[in-house]
């Protein structure tokens, strides 16, 4: 279920930076949420500098980078886990994109498992099926 979007201004970052951000954020997400990597999705959403304003100025008229991230998690994740994810995504953006920490903004969005779908099935149902399968196999994982 882990999904993250990194909202970036077009032309401010190289392809290599964007690729590194996507790959490293995927691994970070997997580690923090203890989720299989194959479930993680990361996206870069690009905006033209004429379509973004920061501090009341259109980005095409300034050199600001102003990255913003959203991370979607199933409701019920511990606060400490959500805070670690936000901190690590911020660290990653600062390291990979070379922007000042004070310029980074982010949001963790909690979604009720009944309102998140995997292969057309609610995460609540998928979760229940996985728990039942583990119980049937005697696995504690």
Protein backbone atom coordinates (compact mmCIF):
# COMPACT_ATOMS: atom_id res chain seq x y z
CA UNK A 1 0.00 0.00 0.00
CA UNK A 2 2.79 2.49 0.63
CA UNK A 3 2.53 5.28 -1.94
CA UNK A 4 4.54 8.50 -2.02
CA UNK A 5 4.42 11.51 -4.30
CA UNK A 6 7.26 13.99 -4.59
CA UNK A 7 6.05 17.28 -6.02
CA UNK A 8 8.90 19.00 -7.84
CA UNK A 9 9.44 21.97 -10.10
CA UNK A 10 10.30 20.91 -13.62
CA UNK A 11 13.81 21.75 -14.75
CA UNK A 12 15.24 22.25 -11.24
CA UNK A 13 16.55 18.70 -10.80
CA UNK A 14 18.42 16.25 -13.03
CA UNK A 15 17.11 12.89 -14.23
CA UNK A 16 19.75 11.24 -12.05
CA UNK A 17 18.51 13.11 -8.96
CA UNK A 18 14.90 12.19 -9.68
CA UNK A 19 15.75 8.52 -10.25
CA UNK A 20 17.84 8.38 -7.07
CA UNK A 21 15.00 9.99 -5.10
CA UNK A 22 12.48 7.43 -6.40
CA UNK A 23 14.69 4.42 -5.68
CA UNK A 24 15.96 5.53 -2.28
CA UNK A 25 12.50 6.67 -1.16
CA UNK A 26 11.11 3.24 -2.11
CA UNK A 27 13.68 1.49 0.07
CA UNK A 28 13.17 4.00 2.89
CA UNK A 29 9.41 3.47 2.81
CA UNK A 30 9.83 -0.30 2.86
CA UNK A 31 12.21 -0.13 5.85
CA UNK A 32 10.21 2.32 7.95
CA UNK A 33 6.86 0.60 7.42
CA UNK A 34 8.36 -2.91 7.41
CA UNK A 35 6.52 -3.49 4.15
CA UNK A 36 7.66 -5.66 1.23
CA UNK A 37 9.44 -3.51 -1.37
CA UNK A 38 7.21 -4.87 -4.14
CA UNK A 39 4.22 -3.12 -2.51
CA UNK A 40 5.85 0.33 -2.54
CA UNK A 41 5.01 2.91 -5.21
CA UNK A 42 6.83 6.25 -5.53
CA UNK A 43 6.00 8.96 -8.04
CA UNK A 44 7.41 12.30 -9.04
CA UNK A 45 4.79 14.86 -9.93
CA UNK A 46 6.33 17.68 -11.94
CA UNK A 47 5.03 21.21 -12.24
CA UNK A 48 6.09 23.95 -14.59
CA UNK A 49 7.57 26.93 -12.79
CA UNK A 50 4.70 29.04 -14.11
CA UNK A 51 2.20 26.88 -12.22
CA UNK A 52 3.66 27.19 -8.70
CA UNK A 53 3.96 30.07 -6.27
CA UNK A 54 6.15 30.03 -3.18
CA UNK A 55 6.03 32.79 -0.59
CA UNK A 56 3.76 34.79 -2.86
CA UNK A 57 6.08 34.71 -5.88
CA UNK A 58 5.68 32.63 -9.03
CA UNK A 59 8.50 30.08 -9.15
CA UNK A 60 9.51 31.09 -12.69
CA UNK A 61 10.50 34.46 -11.24
CA UNK A 62 12.70 33.02 -8.47
CA UNK A 63 15.28 30.31 -7.89
CA UNK A 64 13.30 28.50 -5.21
CA UNK A 65 12.95 24.71 -5.38
CA UNK A 66 10.17 24.20 -2.79
CA UNK A 67 9.82 20.39 -2.82
CA UNK A 68 6.75 18.86 -1.20
CA UNK A 69 5.97 15.21 -0.49
CA UNK A 70 2.86 13.26 0.37
CA UNK A 71 3.06 9.78 1.83
CA UNK A 72 0.01 7.58 2.08
CA UNK A 73 -0.19 4.98 4.86
CA UNK A 74 -2.98 2.80 6.16
CA UNK A 75 -4.62 4.25 9.26
CA UNK A 76 -3.40 2.77 12.50
CA UNK A 77 0.33 3.14 11.89
CA UNK A 78 2.06 4.35 15.07
CA UNK A 79 2.79 8.07 15.30
CA UNK A 80 6.51 7.37 15.78
CA UNK A 81 6.56 5.43 12.51
CA UNK A 82 4.83 8.26 10.62
CA UNK A 83 7.21 10.82 12.11
CA UNK A 84 10.24 8.70 11.18
CA UNK A 85 8.96 8.42 7.61
CA UNK A 86 8.51 12.19 7.34
CA UNK A 87 11.97 12.83 8.83
CA UNK A 88 13.67 10.33 6.53
CA UNK A 89 11.89 11.62 3.43
CA UNK A 90 12.98 15.14 4.39
CA UNK A 91 16.57 13.96 4.89
CA UNK A 92 16.45 12.20 1.54
CA UNK A 93 15.16 15.28 -0.29
CA UNK A 94 17.83 17.46 1.31
CA UNK A 95 20.58 14.95 0.46
CA UNK A 96 19.51 13.97 -3.05
CA UNK A 97 18.14 17.29 -4.32
CA UNK A 98 20.49 19.57 -2.41
CA UNK A 99 17.78 21.89 -1.13
CA UNK A 100 17.72 23.61 2.26
CA UNK A 101 15.85 21.64 4.93
CA UNK A 102 13.70 24.70 5.63
CA UNK A 103 12.35 24.55 2.07
CA UNK A 104 10.96 21.02 2.39
CA UNK A 105 7.30 20.44 3.21
CA UNK A 106 5.49 17.15 3.59
CA UNK A 107 2.34 15.40 4.67
CA UNK A 108 1.47 11.90 5.83
CA UNK A 109 -2.02 10.90 4.76
CA UNK A 110 -3.74 8.12 6.68
CA UNK A 111 -6.29 6.09 4.75
CA UNK A 112 -8.85 3.77 6.28
CA UNK A 113 -8.11 0.22 5.00
CA UNK A 114 -11.74 -0.03 3.86
CA UNK A 115 -11.06 2.88 1.47
CA UNK A 116 -7.79 1.58 -0.05
CA UNK A 117 -7.88 -1.04 -2.80
CA UNK A 118 -5.37 -3.63 -3.94
CA UNK A 119 -6.25 -5.46 -7.12
CA UNK A 120 -9.84 -4.32 -6.74
CA UNK A 121 -10.18 -5.56 -3.16
CA UNK A 122 -10.20 -3.44 -0.02
CA UNK A 123 -7.00 -3.49 2.01
CA UNK A 124 -9.12 -4.44 5.01
CA UNK A 125 -10.21 -7.62 3.22
CA UNK A 126 -6.74 -8.36 1.87
CA UNK A 127 -5.29 -7.90 5.35
CA UNK A 128 -7.88 -10.27 6.85
CA UNK A 129 -7.08 -12.88 4.18
CA UNK A 130 -3.31 -12.58 4.84
CA UNK A 131 -3.82 -12.94 8.60
CA UNK A 132 -6.03 -15.99 8.07
CA UNK A 133 -3.49 -17.56 5.70
CA UNK A 134 -0.69 -17.06 8.25
CA UNK A 135 -2.86 -18.60 10.98
CA UNK A 136 -3.64 -21.59 8.74
CA UNK A 137 0.07 -22.13 7.99
CA UNK A 138 1.12 -21.67 11.61
CA UNK A 139 3.38 -18.75 10.64
CA UNK A 140 3.77 -15.78 12.96
CA UNK A 141 5.02 -13.51 10.17
